[in-house]
N, C-alpha and C. Protein backbone atom coordinates (compact mmCIF):
# COMPACT_ATOMS: atom_id res chain seq x y z
N MET A 1 17.71 -2.25 21.45
CA MET A 1 18.70 -2.79 22.35
C MET A 1 18.41 -4.28 22.51
N ASN A 2 19.40 -5.10 22.24
CA ASN A 2 19.16 -6.53 22.34
C ASN A 2 19.36 -7.02 23.78
N LYS A 3 19.04 -8.27 23.98
CA LYS A 3 19.01 -8.83 25.34
C LYS A 3 20.39 -8.87 25.99
N SER A 4 21.42 -9.18 25.23
CA SER A 4 22.76 -9.27 25.82
C SER A 4 23.27 -7.89 26.26
N THR A 5 22.97 -6.86 25.48
CA THR A 5 23.36 -5.50 25.87
C THR A 5 22.64 -5.08 27.13
N ARG A 6 21.35 -5.39 27.19
CA ARG A 6 20.56 -5.06 28.38
C ARG A 6 21.12 -5.76 29.62
N ASN A 7 21.44 -7.03 29.49
CA ASN A 7 21.99 -7.78 30.62
C ASN A 7 23.35 -7.25 31.05
N THR A 8 24.16 -6.85 30.09
CA THR A 8 25.47 -6.29 30.41
C THR A 8 25.34 -4.98 31.18
N LEU A 9 24.44 -4.11 30.73
CA LEU A 9 24.23 -2.84 31.43
C LEU A 9 23.66 -3.05 32.83
N ARG A 10 22.79 -4.03 32.99
CA ARG A 10 22.27 -4.35 34.33
C ARG A 10 23.39 -4.84 35.22
N LEU A 11 24.25 -5.69 34.69
CA LEU A 11 25.36 -6.20 35.47
C LEU A 11 26.31 -5.09 35.90
N ILE A 12 26.58 -4.15 35.00
CA ILE A 12 27.44 -3.02 35.34
C ILE A 12 26.81 -2.18 36.45
N SER A 13 25.50 -1.93 36.36
CA SER A 13 24.86 -1.13 37.40
C SER A 13 24.87 -1.84 38.75
N VAL A 14 24.69 -3.16 38.75
CA VAL A 14 24.73 -3.91 40.00
C VAL A 14 26.13 -3.89 40.60
N ILE A 15 27.14 -4.01 39.77
CA ILE A 15 28.53 -3.97 40.25
C ILE A 15 28.86 -2.61 40.84
N ILE A 16 28.41 -1.54 40.21
CA ILE A 16 28.65 -0.19 40.74
C ILE A 16 28.01 -0.04 42.11
N VAL A 17 26.76 -0.47 42.23
CA VAL A 17 26.06 -0.34 43.52
C VAL A 17 26.72 -1.20 44.58
N LEU A 18 27.11 -2.41 44.22
CA LEU A 18 27.77 -3.29 45.19
C LEU A 18 29.10 -2.69 45.66
N ALA A 19 29.86 -2.11 44.75
CA ALA A 19 31.13 -1.48 45.13
C ALA A 19 30.88 -0.29 46.05
N LEU A 20 29.84 0.51 45.77
CA LEU A 20 29.53 1.65 46.63
C LEU A 20 29.10 1.21 48.03
N VAL A 21 28.32 0.14 48.10
CA VAL A 21 27.91 -0.37 49.41
C VAL A 21 29.11 -0.88 50.19
N LEU A 22 30.00 -1.61 49.53
CA LEU A 22 31.19 -2.11 50.22
C LEU A 22 32.11 -0.97 50.66
N MET A 23 32.16 0.11 49.90
CA MET A 23 32.94 1.29 50.32
C MET A 23 32.30 1.95 51.53
N GLU A 24 30.98 2.00 51.55
CA GLU A 24 30.28 2.61 52.68
C GLU A 24 30.49 1.79 53.96
N LEU A 25 30.59 0.48 53.82
CA LEU A 25 30.82 -0.39 54.97
C LEU A 25 32.31 -0.51 55.33
N SER A 26 33.16 0.17 54.60
CA SER A 26 34.62 0.17 54.80
C SER A 26 35.25 -1.20 54.61
N ILE A 27 34.64 -2.03 53.78
CA ILE A 27 35.22 -3.33 53.46
C ILE A 27 36.29 -3.16 52.39
N ILE A 28 36.04 -2.27 51.45
CA ILE A 28 37.07 -1.90 50.47
C ILE A 28 37.35 -0.41 50.65
N PRO A 29 38.53 0.05 50.29
CA PRO A 29 38.87 1.46 50.51
C PRO A 29 38.00 2.40 49.66
N ASN A 30 37.81 3.58 50.18
CA ASN A 30 37.01 4.59 49.51
C ASN A 30 37.81 5.18 48.35
N LEU A 31 37.45 4.78 47.13
CA LEU A 31 38.20 5.20 45.95
C LEU A 31 37.47 6.30 45.17
N LEU A 32 36.19 6.46 45.41
CA LEU A 32 35.40 7.39 44.62
C LEU A 32 34.98 8.59 45.46
N ASN A 33 35.26 9.77 44.97
CA ASN A 33 34.84 10.97 45.68
C ASN A 33 33.42 11.38 45.34
N TYR A 34 32.90 10.88 44.25
CA TYR A 34 31.57 11.26 43.78
C TYR A 34 30.60 10.09 43.88
N LYS A 35 30.41 9.59 45.09
CA LYS A 35 29.55 8.42 45.29
C LYS A 35 28.13 8.67 44.81
N PHE A 36 27.62 9.85 45.12
CA PHE A 36 26.24 10.17 44.74
C PHE A 36 26.05 10.07 43.24
N TRP A 37 26.96 10.63 42.47
CA TRP A 37 26.80 10.63 41.01
C TRP A 37 26.98 9.24 40.41
N PHE A 38 27.84 8.42 41.03
CA PHE A 38 27.96 7.05 40.56
C PHE A 38 26.68 6.27 40.84
N MET A 39 26.03 6.56 41.98
CA MET A 39 24.76 5.91 42.29
C MET A 39 23.68 6.36 41.31
N VAL A 40 23.66 7.63 40.96
CA VAL A 40 22.70 8.14 39.97
C VAL A 40 22.94 7.48 38.62
N ALA A 41 24.20 7.32 38.23
CA ALA A 41 24.52 6.68 36.96
C ALA A 41 24.08 5.21 36.96
N ALA A 42 24.28 4.53 38.07
CA ALA A 42 23.86 3.12 38.16
C ALA A 42 22.35 3.01 38.07
N TYR A 43 21.64 3.92 38.72
CA TYR A 43 20.18 3.92 38.66
C TYR A 43 19.70 4.23 37.24
N ALA A 44 20.36 5.15 36.58
CA ALA A 44 19.98 5.49 35.19
C ALA A 44 20.22 4.30 34.26
N LEU A 45 21.32 3.59 34.44
CA LEU A 45 21.57 2.40 33.63
C LEU A 45 20.49 1.35 33.87
N ALA A 46 20.08 1.19 35.11
CA ALA A 46 19.03 0.21 35.41
C ALA A 46 17.71 0.65 34.79
N LEU A 47 17.41 1.93 34.84
CA LEU A 47 16.15 2.41 34.25
C LEU A 47 16.14 2.25 32.73
N ILE A 48 17.28 2.45 32.10
CA ILE A 48 17.36 2.32 30.64
C ILE A 48 17.10 0.87 30.22
N THR A 49 17.56 -0.07 31.03
CA THR A 49 17.46 -1.47 30.62
C THR A 49 16.08 -2.08 30.86
N TYR A 50 15.31 -1.51 31.79
CA TYR A 50 13.98 -2.04 32.05
C TYR A 50 12.97 -1.40 31.12
N ARG A 51 11.98 -2.17 30.72
CA ARG A 51 10.97 -1.62 29.84
C ARG A 51 9.81 -1.07 30.61
């Protein structure tokens, strides 16, 4: 996995977590019914990108 792919996956995971936090704070509407699984997916993406 090259550096740009790793950075892209990290960015995606950060965006997912940020969107979930904003939904929890009711700043943006709650669009996802499976918040827990999206958080698990974001954590898995972060784990994959770190060595």
